[in-house]
Amino acid sequence: MPALEDTCTQLVALPSLGSVRNFGHKDLKGVRMLPVTGFEHYLIFYTATDKNIHVIRVLHAARDFPTIFH
């Protein structure tokens, strides 16, 4: 999916691009969320390090993601 790859390339260059989400689980501290470019109903959930991003999940925005990440 080129749009997902393009969005991930943007995230590697600018890892703070997505908004930080506060989920209750301690292992999810620092998870960020960003819509996929051109497919705003799909959200990338990821964490970032100095050189990489780690995509946790890609979900449709209609999903109850707070419950999924609980």
C-alpha atoms as a PDB file:
ATOM      1  CA  MET A   1       0.000   0.000   0.000  1.00  0.00           C
ATOM      2  CA  PRO A   2       1.926   3.064  -1.232  1.00  0.00           C
ATOM      3  CA  ALA A   3       0.015   5.524   0.998  1.00  0.00           C
ATOM      4  CA  LEU A   4       0.981   3.584   4.126  1.00  0.00           C
ATOM      5  CA  GLU A   5       4.616   3.370   3.003  1.00  0.00           C
ATOM      6  CA  ASP A   6       4.652   7.102   2.227  1.00  0.00           C
ATOM      7  CA  THR A   7       3.213   7.919   5.640  1.00  0.00           C
ATOM      8  CA  CYS A   8       5.785   5.690   7.368  1.00  0.00           C
ATOM      9  CA  THR A   9       8.569   7.417   5.415  1.00  0.00           C
ATOM     10  CA  GLN A  10       7.261  10.749   6.724  1.00  0.00           C
ATOM     11  CA  LEU A  11       7.243   9.358  10.259  1.00  0.00           C
ATOM     12  CA  VAL A  12      10.866   8.232  10.034  1.00  0.00           C
ATOM     13  CA  ALA A  13      11.814  11.792   9.018  1.00  0.00           C
ATOM     14  CA  LEU A  14       9.492  13.462  11.558  1.00  0.00           C
ATOM     15  CA  PRO A  15       8.665  10.945  14.308  1.00  0.00           C
ATOM     16  CA  SER A  16       6.857  13.523  16.453  1.00  0.00           C
ATOM     17  CA  LEU A  17       4.367  14.188  13.647  1.00  0.00           C
ATOM     18  CA  GLY A  18       1.592  12.106  15.243  1.00  0.00           C
ATOM     19  CA  SER A  19      -0.295  13.019  18.386  1.00  0.00           C
ATOM     20  CA  VAL A  20       0.536  11.251  21.651  1.00  0.00           C
ATOM     21  CA  ARG A  21      -2.254   8.997  22.917  1.00  0.00           C
ATOM     22  CA  ASN A  22      -2.661   8.262  26.597  1.00  0.00           C
ATOM     23  CA  PHE A  23      -3.736   4.677  27.059  1.00  0.00           C
ATOM     24  CA  GLY A  24      -3.939   3.133  30.529  1.00  0.00           C
ATOM     25  CA  HIS A  25      -1.513   0.283  29.882  1.00  0.00           C
ATOM     26  CA  LYS A  26       2.092   1.074  30.946  1.00  0.00           C
ATOM     27  CA  ASP A  27       3.562  -0.678  27.885  1.00  0.00           C
ATOM     28  CA  LEU A  28       1.726   1.782  25.638  1.00  0.00           C
ATOM     29  CA  LYS A  29       3.344   4.920  27.057  1.00  0.00           C
ATOM     30  CA  GLY A  30       4.447   7.216  24.249  1.00  0.00           C
ATOM     31  CA  VAL A  31       2.242   5.667  21.560  1.00  0.00           C
ATOM     32  CA  ARG A  32       1.440   8.157  18.833  1.00  0.00           C
ATOM     33  CA  MET A  33      -1.359   8.195  16.279  1.00  0.00           C
ATOM     34  CA  LEU A  34      -1.405   9.598  12.747  1.00  0.00           C
ATOM     35  CA  PRO A  35      -3.895   9.253   9.891  1.00  0.00           C
ATOM     36  CA  VAL A  36      -2.586   7.553   6.750  1.00  0.00           C
ATOM     37  CA  THR A  37      -1.990  10.200   4.088  1.00  0.00           C
ATOM     38  CA  GLY A  38      -4.891  10.123   1.635  1.00  0.00           C
ATOM     39  CA  PHE A  39      -6.813   7.612   3.789  1.00  0.00           C
ATOM     40  CA  GLU A  40      -7.689   9.671   6.866  1.00  0.00           C
ATOM     41  CA  HIS A  41     -10.104   7.001   8.106  1.00  0.00           C
ATOM     42  CA  TYR A  42      -7.114   4.720   8.723  1.00  0.00           C
ATOM     43  CA  LEU A  43      -4.893   5.463  11.689  1.00  0.00           C
ATOM     44  CA  ILE A  44      -1.311   4.359  12.334  1.00  0.00           C
ATOM     45  CA  PHE A  45      -0.409   3.725  15.959  1.00  0.00           C
ATOM     46  CA  TYR A  46       3.345   3.744  16.505  1.00  0.00           C
ATOM     47  CA  THR A  47       6.248   4.439  18.833  1.00  0.00           C
ATOM     48  CA  ALA A  48       9.395   6.280  17.829  1.00  0.00           C
ATOM     49  CA  THR A  49      13.070   6.008  18.708  1.00  0.00           C
ATOM     50  CA  ASP A  50      15.936   8.196  17.530  1.00  0.00           C
ATOM     51  CA  LYS A  51      16.296   6.315  14.239  1.00  0.00           C
ATOM     52  CA  ASN A  52      13.210   4.152  13.771  1.00  0.00           C
ATOM     53  CA  ILE A  53       9.508   3.908  14.197  1.00  0.00           C
ATOM     54  CA  HIS A  54       7.680   0.792  15.337  1.00  0.00           C
ATOM     55  CA  VAL A  55       4.188   0.477  13.881  1.00  0.00           C
ATOM     56  CA  ILE A  56       1.961  -1.224  16.437  1.00  0.00           C
ATOM     57  CA  ARG A  57      -1.310  -1.308  14.492  1.00  0.00           C
ATOM     58  CA  VAL A  58      -3.174   0.274  11.615  1.00  0.00           C
ATOM     59  CA  LEU A  59      -6.878   0.583  12.378  1.00  0.00           C
ATOM     60  CA  HIS A  60      -9.961   2.088  10.811  1.00  0.00           C
ATOM     61  CA  ALA A  61     -10.986   5.218  12.705  1.00  0.00           C
ATOM     62  CA  ALA A  62     -14.450   3.783  13.392  1.00  0.00           C
ATOM     63  CA  ARG A  63     -12.897   1.061  15.566  1.00  0.00           C
ATOM     64  CA  ASP A  64     -13.011   1.527  19.340  1.00  0.00           C
ATOM     65  CA  PHE A  65      -9.251   1.867  19.646  1.00  0.00           C
ATOM     66  CA  PRO A  66      -9.239   2.930  23.331  1.00  0.00           C
ATOM     67  CA  THR A  67     -10.784  -0.442  24.135  1.00  0.00           C
ATOM     68  CA  ILE A  68      -8.423  -2.275  21.789  1.00  0.00           C
ATOM     69  CA  PHE A  69      -5.402  -0.723  23.519  1.00  0.00           C
ATOM     70  CA  HIS A  70      -6.761  -1.122  27.040  1.00  0.00           C
END
